[in-house]
Amino acid sequence: MNDLSLIDIGFKGSKFTWRRGREERTYVAKRLDRVLCCANTHLKWQEATVTHLPFFSSDHAPLYLQLSPVVKGDPQRRPFCFEVAWMQHESFKDLLVTSWDNGVFTLVALRTLQRKLKRWNADVFGDVQRKKELLLAELKGVEDQLELQQSNAFLVREMEL
């Protein structure tokens, strides 16, 4: 880092990026992962932020690099996202077959399908995106508690989430 004059641009979120141990007595956590850049890059992207995301299937937390400030918008206007979980549901294929209209332009058929999928998602899954957001928020809360106090109860709850 010193030889190349690299700068650690800091972070938001949990202070640890690596850990091991599933019990209080063996638990170890450190900040091993960082985003580094040279001075010119740091000047060009002065508002860049790094966020340590919650741990999932790895012993390293993913790092999210945002080069420009987040623009907050209306959550109702967020882009449509296809959820892979939908394909596992037994009624998905029937919905797809009955919703598709070969008699109209593809774009019109896709918009109709999108509306039906949004409605179906809310009815069948209860809004997957909202559930994911709530689970992630709870997971982040548990990980924040683990930074302050390592306990078997928090480690077990984290594994459950």
N, C-alpha and C. Protein backbone atom coordinates (compact mmCIF):
# COMPACT_ATOMS: atom_id res chain seq x y z
N MET A 1 0.83 -1.19 0.00
CA MET A 1 0.00 0.00 0.00
C MET A 1 0.87 1.25 0.00
N ASN A 2 1.88 1.27 0.84
CA ASN A 2 2.74 2.45 0.92
C ASN A 2 3.56 2.64 -0.35
N ASP A 3 4.11 1.55 -0.89
CA ASP A 3 4.94 1.65 -2.09
C ASP A 3 4.16 2.22 -3.27
N LEU A 4 2.86 1.91 -3.37
CA LEU A 4 2.04 2.39 -4.48
C LEU A 4 1.22 3.62 -4.10
N SER A 5 1.41 4.14 -2.91
CA SER A 5 0.68 5.31 -2.40
C SER A 5 -0.84 5.13 -2.51
N LEU A 6 -1.31 3.99 -2.06
CA LEU A 6 -2.74 3.70 -2.11
C LEU A 6 -3.44 4.19 -0.85
N ILE A 7 -4.69 4.57 -1.03
CA ILE A 7 -5.51 5.12 0.05
C ILE A 7 -6.66 4.16 0.32
N ASP A 8 -6.91 3.88 1.57
CA ASP A 8 -8.09 3.12 1.98
C ASP A 8 -9.23 4.12 2.06
N ILE A 9 -10.29 3.94 1.26
CA ILE A 9 -11.34 4.97 1.23
C ILE A 9 -12.38 4.82 2.34
N GLY A 10 -12.14 3.92 3.27
CA GLY A 10 -13.04 3.81 4.42
C GLY A 10 -14.25 2.94 4.12
N PHE A 11 -15.25 2.99 5.01
CA PHE A 11 -16.41 2.12 4.85
C PHE A 11 -17.56 2.58 5.72
N LYS A 12 -18.74 2.05 5.42
CA LYS A 12 -19.93 2.17 6.25
C LYS A 12 -20.37 0.75 6.58
N GLY A 13 -21.09 0.61 7.65
CA GLY A 13 -21.61 -0.71 8.02
C GLY A 13 -20.74 -1.38 9.07
N SER A 14 -20.85 -2.70 9.10
CA SER A 14 -20.10 -3.49 10.07
C SER A 14 -18.61 -3.21 9.96
N LYS A 15 -17.90 -3.23 11.08
CA LYS A 15 -16.46 -2.95 11.02
C LYS A 15 -15.65 -4.17 10.60
N PHE A 16 -16.27 -5.35 10.57
CA PHE A 16 -15.54 -6.56 10.21
C PHE A 16 -15.91 -7.04 8.81
N THR A 17 -14.92 -7.60 8.09
CA THR A 17 -15.18 -8.15 6.76
C THR A 17 -14.86 -9.64 6.68
N TRP A 18 -14.27 -10.17 7.73
CA TRP A 18 -13.94 -11.61 7.78
C TRP A 18 -14.19 -12.11 9.19
N ARG A 19 -14.62 -13.36 9.24
CA ARG A 19 -14.78 -13.96 10.56
C ARG A 19 -14.87 -15.47 10.45
N ARG A 20 -14.67 -16.10 11.59
CA ARG A 20 -14.83 -17.54 11.67
C ARG A 20 -15.31 -17.89 13.07
N GLY A 21 -15.82 -19.10 13.21
CA GLY A 21 -16.32 -19.55 14.50
C GLY A 21 -17.81 -19.41 14.61
N ARG A 22 -18.46 -20.47 15.00
CA ARG A 22 -19.92 -20.46 15.15
C ARG A 22 -20.34 -20.52 16.61
N GLU A 23 -19.35 -20.44 17.49
CA GLU A 23 -19.63 -20.42 18.93
C GLU A 23 -18.87 -19.25 19.55
N GLU A 24 -19.40 -18.76 20.62
CA GLU A 24 -18.79 -17.61 21.29
C GLU A 24 -17.32 -17.83 21.60
N ARG A 25 -16.96 -19.03 22.04
CA ARG A 25 -15.58 -19.30 22.45
C ARG A 25 -14.61 -19.38 21.28
N THR A 26 -15.10 -19.64 20.05
CA THR A 26 -14.21 -19.76 18.88
C THR A 26 -14.38 -18.61 17.90
N TYR A 27 -15.24 -17.65 18.21
CA TYR A 27 -15.56 -16.57 17.29
C TYR A 27 -14.40 -15.57 17.17
N VAL A 28 -14.00 -15.28 15.92
CA VAL A 28 -12.96 -14.28 15.63
C VAL A 28 -13.44 -13.45 14.45
N ALA A 29 -13.30 -12.14 14.54
CA ALA A 29 -13.70 -11.26 13.43
C ALA A 29 -12.65 -10.18 13.24
N LYS A 30 -12.35 -9.86 11.97
CA LYS A 30 -11.34 -8.84 11.63
C LYS A 30 -11.79 -8.09 10.38
N ARG A 31 -11.18 -6.94 10.16
CA ARG A 31 -11.38 -6.21 8.91
C ARG A 31 -10.18 -6.52 8.01
N LEU A 32 -10.36 -7.49 7.12
CA LEU A 32 -9.28 -7.87 6.21
C LEU A 32 -9.45 -7.25 4.83
N ASP A 33 -10.68 -7.08 4.39
CA ASP A 33 -10.96 -6.63 3.02
C ASP A 33 -11.16 -5.12 2.98
N ARG A 34 -10.57 -4.49 1.97
CA ARG A 34 -10.62 -3.04 1.85
C ARG A 34 -10.70 -2.64 0.38
N VAL A 35 -11.18 -1.43 0.14
CA VAL A 35 -11.12 -0.85 -1.20
C VAL A 35 -10.04 0.20 -1.17
N LEU A 36 -9.06 0.03 -2.03
CA LEU A 36 -7.91 0.94 -2.11
C LEU A 36 -7.91 1.65 -3.45
N CYS A 37 -7.38 2.86 -3.48
CA CYS A 37 -7.24 3.59 -4.74
C CYS A 37 -6.07 4.57 -4.64
N CYS A 38 -5.67 5.09 -5.77
CA CYS A 38 -4.62 6.10 -5.77
C CYS A 38 -5.25 7.48 -5.54
N ALA A 39 -4.41 8.48 -5.31
CA ALA A 39 -4.91 9.83 -5.00
C ALA A 39 -5.73 10.41 -6.14
N ASN A 40 -5.32 10.20 -7.39
CA ASN A 40 -6.08 10.74 -8.54
C ASN A 40 -7.48 10.14 -8.60
N THR A 41 -7.58 8.85 -8.37
CA THR A 41 -8.89 8.20 -8.39
C THR A 41 -9.74 8.72 -7.24
N HIS A 42 -9.13 8.90 -6.09
CA HIS A 42 -9.87 9.40 -4.93
C HIS A 42 -10.40 10.82 -5.19
N LEU A 43 -9.62 11.63 -5.88
CA LEU A 43 -10.09 12.97 -6.24
C LEU A 43 -11.22 12.92 -7.26
N LYS A 44 -11.12 12.02 -8.21
CA LYS A 44 -12.15 11.89 -9.24
C LYS A 44 -13.47 11.40 -8.65
N TRP A 45 -13.41 10.49 -7.70
CA TRP A 45 -14.61 9.89 -7.11
C TRP A 45 -14.67 10.25 -5.62
N GLN A 46 -14.69 11.54 -5.31
CA GLN A 46 -14.65 11.98 -3.92
C GLN A 46 -15.84 11.51 -3.09
N GLU A 47 -16.98 11.29 -3.74
CA GLU A 47 -18.18 10.90 -3.01
C GLU A 47 -18.36 9.38 -2.97
N ALA A 48 -17.36 8.64 -3.41
CA ALA A 48 -17.45 7.18 -3.40
C ALA A 48 -17.55 6.67 -1.96
N THR A 49 -18.37 5.65 -1.78
CA THR A 49 -18.51 5.03 -0.46
C THR A 49 -18.41 3.51 -0.61
N VAL A 50 -17.92 2.89 0.43
CA VAL A 50 -17.85 1.43 0.50
C VAL A 50 -18.74 1.00 1.66
N THR A 51 -19.59 0.03 1.40
CA THR A 51 -20.46 -0.49 2.45
C THR A 51 -20.15 -1.96 2.63
N HIS A 52 -19.95 -2.37 3.87
CA HIS A 52 -19.78 -3.78 4.19
C HIS A 52 -21.18 -4.38 4.31
N LEU A 53 -21.53 -5.27 3.41
CA LEU A 53 -22.84 -5.90 3.41
C LEU A 53 -22.86 -7.06 4.40
N PRO A 54 -24.06 -7.55 4.75
CA PRO A 54 -24.13 -8.68 5.69
C PRO A 54 -23.47 -9.94 5.12
N PHE A 55 -22.96 -10.77 6.01
CA PHE A 55 -22.36 -12.05 5.63
C PHE A 55 -23.46 -12.96 5.13
N PHE A 56 -23.15 -13.75 4.08
CA PHE A 56 -24.11 -14.74 3.60
C PHE A 56 -23.48 -16.11 3.64
N SER A 57 -22.99 -16.59 2.53
CA SER A 57 -22.49 -17.97 2.48
C SER A 57 -20.97 -18.05 2.59
N SER A 58 -20.31 -16.93 2.73
CA SER A 58 -18.85 -16.91 2.80
C SER A 58 -18.41 -16.40 4.17
N ASP A 59 -17.14 -16.64 4.50
CA ASP A 59 -16.62 -16.07 5.74
C ASP A 59 -16.14 -14.64 5.53
N HIS A 60 -16.26 -14.13 4.30
CA HIS A 60 -15.96 -12.73 3.98
C HIS A 60 -17.27 -12.01 3.65
N ALA A 61 -17.41 -10.80 4.15
CA ALA A 61 -18.58 -9.99 3.82
C ALA A 61 -18.37 -9.37 2.44
N PRO A 62 -19.43 -9.30 1.63
CA PRO A 62 -19.29 -8.61 0.35
C PRO A 62 -19.11 -7.11 0.58
N LEU A 63 -18.32 -6.48 -0.26
CA LEU A 63 -18.14 -5.03 -0.20
C LEU A 63 -18.88 -4.41 -1.37
N TYR A 64 -19.62 -3.35 -1.10
CA TYR A 64 -20.38 -2.66 -2.14
C TYR A 64 -19.77 -1.27 -2.34
N LEU A 65 -19.25 -1.03 -3.54
CA LEU A 65 -18.64 0.25 -3.87
C LEU A 65 -19.64 1.09 -4.66
N GLN A 66 -20.02 2.24 -4.10
CA GLN A 66 -20.95 3.17 -4.75
C GLN A 66 -20.14 4.40 -5.13
N LEU A 67 -19.99 4.64 -6.44
CA LEU A 67 -19.14 5.75 -6.89
C LEU A 67 -19.81 7.11 -6.78
N SER A 68 -21.13 7.15 -6.93
CA SER A 68 -21.83 8.43 -6.83
C SER A 68 -22.90 8.32 -5.75
N PRO A 69 -23.38 9.45 -5.24
CA PRO A 69 -24.35 9.42 -4.14
C PRO A 69 -25.62 8.68 -4.55
N VAL A 70 -26.24 8.05 -3.55
CA VAL A 70 -27.49 7.36 -3.78
C VAL A 70 -28.60 8.38 -3.98
N VAL A 71 -29.40 8.17 -5.01
CA VAL A 71 -30.54 9.04 -5.26
C VAL A 71 -31.77 8.33 -4.72
N LYS A 72 -32.39 8.92 -3.72
CA LYS A 72 -33.58 8.31 -3.12
C LYS A 72 -34.77 8.63 -4.01
N GLY A 73 -35.59 7.61 -4.21
CA GLY A 73 -36.78 7.80 -5.04
C GLY A 73 -37.97 7.12 -4.42
N ASP A 74 -39.06 7.18 -5.12
CA ASP A 74 -40.30 6.55 -4.71
C ASP A 74 -40.16 5.04 -4.88
N PRO A 75 -40.29 4.25 -3.80
CA PRO A 75 -40.14 2.80 -3.92
C PRO A 75 -41.18 2.18 -4.84
N GLN A 76 -42.30 2.85 -5.04
CA GLN A 76 -43.32 2.34 -5.96
C GLN A 76 -42.85 2.42 -7.41
N ARG A 77 -41.86 3.26 -7.68
CA ARG A 77 -41.39 3.45 -9.04
C ARG A 77 -40.10 2.70 -9.33
N ARG A 78 -39.72 1.79 -8.44
CA ARG A 78 -38.49 1.04 -8.69
C ARG A 78 -38.72 0.12 -9.89
N PRO A 79 -37.66 -0.19 -10.62
CA PRO A 79 -37.81 -1.01 -11.82
C PRO A 79 -38.33 -2.40 -11.48
N PHE A 80 -39.03 -2.97 -12.42
CA PHE A 80 -39.54 -4.33 -12.27
C PHE A 80 -38.37 -5.30 -12.20
N CYS A 81 -38.41 -6.21 -11.24
CA CYS A 81 -37.37 -7.23 -11.11
C CYS A 81 -38.01 -8.60 -11.13
N PHE A 82 -37.53 -9.43 -12.01
CA PHE A 82 -37.99 -10.82 -12.08
C PHE A 82 -37.31 -11.60 -10.96
N GLU A 83 -38.09 -12.31 -10.17
CA GLU A 83 -37.55 -13.09 -9.06
C GLU A 83 -37.41 -14.55 -9.49
N VAL A 84 -36.21 -15.09 -9.38
CA VAL A 84 -35.96 -16.48 -9.77
C VAL A 84 -36.83 -17.44 -8.96
N ALA A 85 -37.13 -17.09 -7.73
CA ALA A 85 -37.96 -17.94 -6.87
C ALA A 85 -39.33 -18.21 -7.50
N TRP A 86 -39.81 -17.29 -8.31
CA TRP A 86 -41.11 -17.49 -8.96
C TRP A 86 -41.12 -18.77 -9.80
N MET A 87 -40.01 -19.06 -10.47
CA MET A 87 -39.96 -20.20 -11.38
C MET A 87 -40.10 -21.53 -10.64
N GLN A 88 -39.83 -21.54 -9.35
CA GLN A 88 -39.94 -22.76 -8.55
C GLN A 88 -41.38 -23.04 -8.11
N HIS A 89 -42.23 -22.03 -8.23
CA HIS A 89 -43.60 -22.20 -7.75
C HIS A 89 -44.42 -23.00 -8.76
N GLU A 90 -45.27 -23.87 -8.23
CA GLU A 90 -46.04 -24.79 -9.08
C GLU A 90 -47.00 -24.10 -10.05
N SER A 91 -47.47 -22.91 -9.72
CA SER A 91 -48.44 -22.24 -10.60
C SER A 91 -47.79 -21.25 -11.58
N PHE A 92 -46.46 -21.10 -11.52
CA PHE A 92 -45.81 -20.10 -12.37
C PHE A 92 -45.98 -20.40 -13.85
N LYS A 93 -45.73 -21.64 -14.26
CA LYS A 93 -45.80 -21.98 -15.68
C LYS A 93 -47.21 -21.75 -16.23
N ASP A 94 -48.23 -22.13 -15.47
CA ASP A 94 -49.60 -21.90 -15.91
C ASP A 94 -49.89 -20.41 -16.06
N LEU A 95 -49.42 -19.61 -15.11
CA LEU A 95 -49.61 -18.16 -15.19
C LEU A 95 -48.94 -17.61 -16.45
N LEU A 96 -47.74 -18.07 -16.71
CA LEU A 96 -47.01 -17.61 -17.88
C LEU A 96 -47.75 -17.97 -19.17
N VAL A 97 -48.19 -19.19 -19.28
CA VAL A 97 -48.87 -19.67 -20.50
C VAL A 97 -50.19 -18.93 -20.69
N THR A 98 -50.96 -18.76 -19.64
CA THR A 98 -52.27 -18.11 -19.78
C THR A 98 -52.17 -16.59 -19.92
N SER A 99 -51.06 -16.01 -19.51
CA SER A 99 -50.91 -14.55 -19.56
C SER A 99 -50.33 -14.06 -20.88
N TRP A 100 -49.63 -14.91 -21.59
CA TRP A 100 -48.95 -14.46 -22.81
C TRP A 100 -49.93 -14.36 -23.96
N ASP A 101 -49.90 -13.25 -24.68
CA ASP A 101 -50.81 -13.01 -25.81
C ASP A 101 -49.98 -12.88 -27.08
N ASN A 102 -50.04 -13.90 -27.93
CA ASN A 102 -49.29 -13.88 -29.20
C ASN A 102 -49.88 -12.90 -30.21
N GLY A 103 -51.09 -12.40 -29.94
CA GLY A 103 -51.76 -11.53 -30.90
C GLY A 103 -51.37 -10.07 -30.80
N VAL A 104 -50.45 -9.73 -29.89
CA VAL A 104 -50.04 -8.32 -29.74
C VAL A 104 -48.53 -8.22 -29.87
N PHE A 105 -48.05 -7.00 -30.01
CA PHE A 105 -46.60 -6.79 -30.07
C PHE A 105 -45.95 -7.32 -28.79
N THR A 106 -44.71 -7.77 -28.92
CA THR A 106 -44.00 -8.36 -27.79
C THR A 106 -43.93 -7.41 -26.60
N LEU A 107 -43.66 -6.13 -26.85
CA LEU A 107 -43.57 -5.15 -25.76
C LEU A 107 -44.89 -5.04 -25.00
N VAL A 108 -45.99 -5.05 -25.71
CA VAL A 108 -47.31 -4.98 -25.06
C VAL A 108 -47.55 -6.24 -24.25
N ALA A 109 -47.20 -7.41 -24.80
CA ALA A 109 -47.37 -8.68 -24.08
C ALA A 109 -46.51 -8.70 -22.82
N LEU A 110 -45.29 -8.18 -22.92
CA LEU A 110 -44.40 -8.14 -21.75
C LEU A 110 -44.95 -7.22 -20.65
N ARG A 111 -45.50 -6.08 -21.04
CA ARG A 111 -46.07 -5.16 -20.04
C ARG A 111 -47.27 -5.78 -19.34
N THR A 112 -48.09 -6.49 -20.11
CA THR A 112 -49.25 -7.18 -19.52
C THR A 112 -48.77 -8.26 -18.56
N LEU A 113 -47.79 -9.04 -18.99
CA LEU A 113 -47.22 -10.08 -18.14
C LEU A 113 -46.62 -9.48 -16.87
N GLN A 114 -45.94 -8.37 -17.00
CA GLN A 114 -45.34 -7.70 -15.84
C GLN A 114 -46.39 -7.34 -14.81
N ARG A 115 -47.50 -6.75 -15.25
CA ARG A 115 -48.58 -6.38 -14.32
C ARG A 115 -49.13 -7.62 -13.62
N LYS A 116 -49.34 -8.69 -14.39
CA LYS A 116 -49.89 -9.92 -13.80
C LYS A 116 -48.90 -10.55 -12.83
N LEU A 117 -47.61 -10.51 -13.15
CA LEU A 117 -46.60 -11.06 -12.25
C LEU A 117 -46.53 -10.27 -10.94
N LYS A 118 -46.63 -8.96 -11.02
CA LYS A 118 -46.62 -8.15 -9.81
C LYS A 118 -47.80 -8.50 -8.90
N ARG A 119 -48.97 -8.62 -9.51
CA ARG A 119 -50.16 -8.97 -8.74
C ARG A 119 -50.03 -10.38 -8.16
N TRP A 120 -49.58 -11.32 -9.01
CA TRP A 120 -49.39 -12.72 -8.58
C TRP A 120 -48.36 -12.80 -7.45
N ASN A 121 -47.28 -12.06 -7.57
CA ASN A 121 -46.25 -12.03 -6.52
C ASN A 121 -46.85 -11.61 -5.18
N ALA A 122 -47.63 -10.55 -5.20
CA ALA A 122 -48.24 -10.06 -3.96
C ALA A 122 -49.21 -11.09 -3.39
N ASP A 123 -49.99 -11.74 -4.25
CA ASP A 123 -50.99 -12.71 -3.79
C ASP A 123 -50.36 -14.01 -3.30
N VAL A 124 -49.36 -14.51 -4.04
CA VAL A 124 -48.80 -15.83 -3.74
C VAL A 124 -47.64 -15.77 -2.76
N PHE A 125 -46.73 -14.84 -2.98
CA PHE A 125 -45.52 -14.76 -2.16
C PHE A 125 -45.64 -13.70 -1.07
N GLY A 126 -46.57 -12.78 -1.21
CA GLY A 126 -46.68 -11.71 -0.22
C GLY A 126 -45.58 -10.69 -0.39
N ASP A 127 -45.16 -10.42 -1.59
CA ASP A 127 -44.14 -9.45 -1.96
C ASP A 127 -42.75 -9.91 -1.49
N VAL A 128 -42.10 -10.68 -2.34
CA VAL A 128 -40.78 -11.24 -2.07
C VAL A 128 -39.77 -10.15 -1.74
N GLN A 129 -39.79 -9.06 -2.50
CA GLN A 129 -38.81 -8.00 -2.28
C GLN A 129 -38.93 -7.42 -0.88
N ARG A 130 -40.14 -7.19 -0.43
CA ARG A 130 -40.36 -6.64 0.91
C ARG A 130 -39.87 -7.62 1.98
N LYS A 131 -40.15 -8.91 1.80
CA LYS A 131 -39.69 -9.92 2.76
C LYS A 131 -38.17 -9.97 2.80
N LYS A 132 -37.53 -9.88 1.63
CA LYS A 132 -36.07 -9.88 1.58
C LYS A 132 -35.50 -8.68 2.32
N GLU A 133 -36.11 -7.51 2.12
CA GLU A 133 -35.64 -6.30 2.78
C GLU A 133 -35.76 -6.43 4.31
N LEU A 134 -36.86 -7.00 4.78
CA LEU A 134 -37.04 -7.17 6.23
C LEU A 134 -36.03 -8.16 6.80
N LEU A 135 -35.78 -9.27 6.08
CA LEU A 135 -34.79 -10.25 6.55
C LEU A 135 -33.39 -9.65 6.57
N LEU A 136 -33.05 -8.89 5.54
CA LEU A 136 -31.73 -8.26 5.50
C LEU A 136 -31.57 -7.25 6.64
N ALA A 137 -32.62 -6.51 6.93
CA ALA A 137 -32.56 -5.54 8.03
C ALA A 137 -32.37 -6.26 9.36
N GLU A 138 -33.08 -7.37 9.56
CA GLU A 138 -32.92 -8.14 10.80
C GLU A 138 -31.53 -8.75 10.88
N LEU A 139 -31.03 -9.28 9.76
CA LEU A 139 -29.68 -9.84 9.73
C LEU A 139 -28.64 -8.79 10.08
N LYS A 140 -28.79 -7.59 9.51
CA LYS A 140 -27.86 -6.50 9.81
C LYS A 140 -27.90 -6.15 11.30
N GLY A 141 -29.10 -6.14 11.88
CA GLY A 141 -29.24 -5.85 13.30
C GLY A 141 -28.53 -6.88 14.17
N VAL A 142 -28.66 -8.15 13.81
CA VAL A 142 -27.98 -9.22 14.56
C VAL A 142 -26.48 -9.08 14.41
N GLU A 143 -26.00 -8.79 13.20
CA GLU A 143 -24.56 -8.63 12.99
C GLU A 143 -24.03 -7.42 13.74
N ASP A 144 -24.82 -6.35 13.81
CA ASP A 144 -24.41 -5.18 14.61
C ASP A 144 -24.28 -5.56 16.08
N GLN A 145 -25.20 -6.37 16.59
CA GLN A 145 -25.13 -6.83 17.98
C GLN A 145 -23.90 -7.70 18.21
N LEU A 146 -23.56 -8.54 17.21
CA LEU A 146 -22.38 -9.40 17.33
C LEU A 146 -21.10 -8.59 17.43
N GLU A 147 -21.06 -7.41 16.81
CA GLU A 147 -19.88 -6.55 16.93
C GLU A 147 -19.69 -6.09 18.37
N LEU A 148 -20.81 -5.86 19.05
CA LEU A 148 -20.75 -5.34 20.42
C LEU A 148 -20.57 -6.45 21.44
N GLN A 149 -21.23 -7.58 21.19
CA GLN A 149 -21.20 -8.67 22.17
C GLN A 149 -21.37 -9.99 21.45
N GLN A 150 -20.34 -10.83 21.48
CA GLN A 150 -20.42 -12.14 20.87
C GLN A 150 -21.14 -13.08 21.83
N SER A 151 -22.24 -13.64 21.35
CA SER A 151 -22.97 -14.60 22.18
C SER A 151 -23.50 -15.71 21.29
N ASN A 152 -23.66 -16.88 21.90
CA ASN A 152 -24.18 -18.01 21.15
C ASN A 152 -25.59 -17.73 20.62
N ALA A 153 -26.39 -16.99 21.38
CA ALA A 153 -27.75 -16.67 20.95
C ALA A 153 -27.73 -15.85 19.65
N PHE A 154 -26.85 -14.84 19.57
CA PHE A 154 -26.76 -14.04 18.34
C PHE A 154 -26.22 -14.87 17.18
N LEU A 155 -25.25 -15.72 17.44
CA LEU A 155 -24.69 -16.56 16.39
C LEU A 155 -25.72 -17.55 15.85
N VAL A 156 -26.52 -18.11 16.71
CA VAL A 156 -27.58 -19.03 16.28
C VAL A 156 -28.63 -18.27 15.47
N ARG A 157 -29.04 -17.11 15.95
CA ARG A 157 -30.06 -16.33 15.22
C ARG A 157 -29.55 -15.92 13.85
N GLU A 158 -28.30 -15.56 13.76
CA GLU A 158 -27.70 -15.20 12.47
C GLU A 158 -27.76 -16.37 11.51
N MET A 159 -27.43 -17.57 12.00
CA MET A 159 -27.48 -18.76 11.15
C MET A 159 -28.90 -19.04 10.69
N GLU A 160 -29.87 -18.84 11.57
CA GLU A 160 -31.28 -19.04 11.19
C GLU A 160 -31.69 -18.08 10.08
N LEU A 161 -31.30 -16.82 10.22
CA LEU A 161 -31.67 -15.82 9.22
C LEU A 161 -31.00 -16.12 7.90
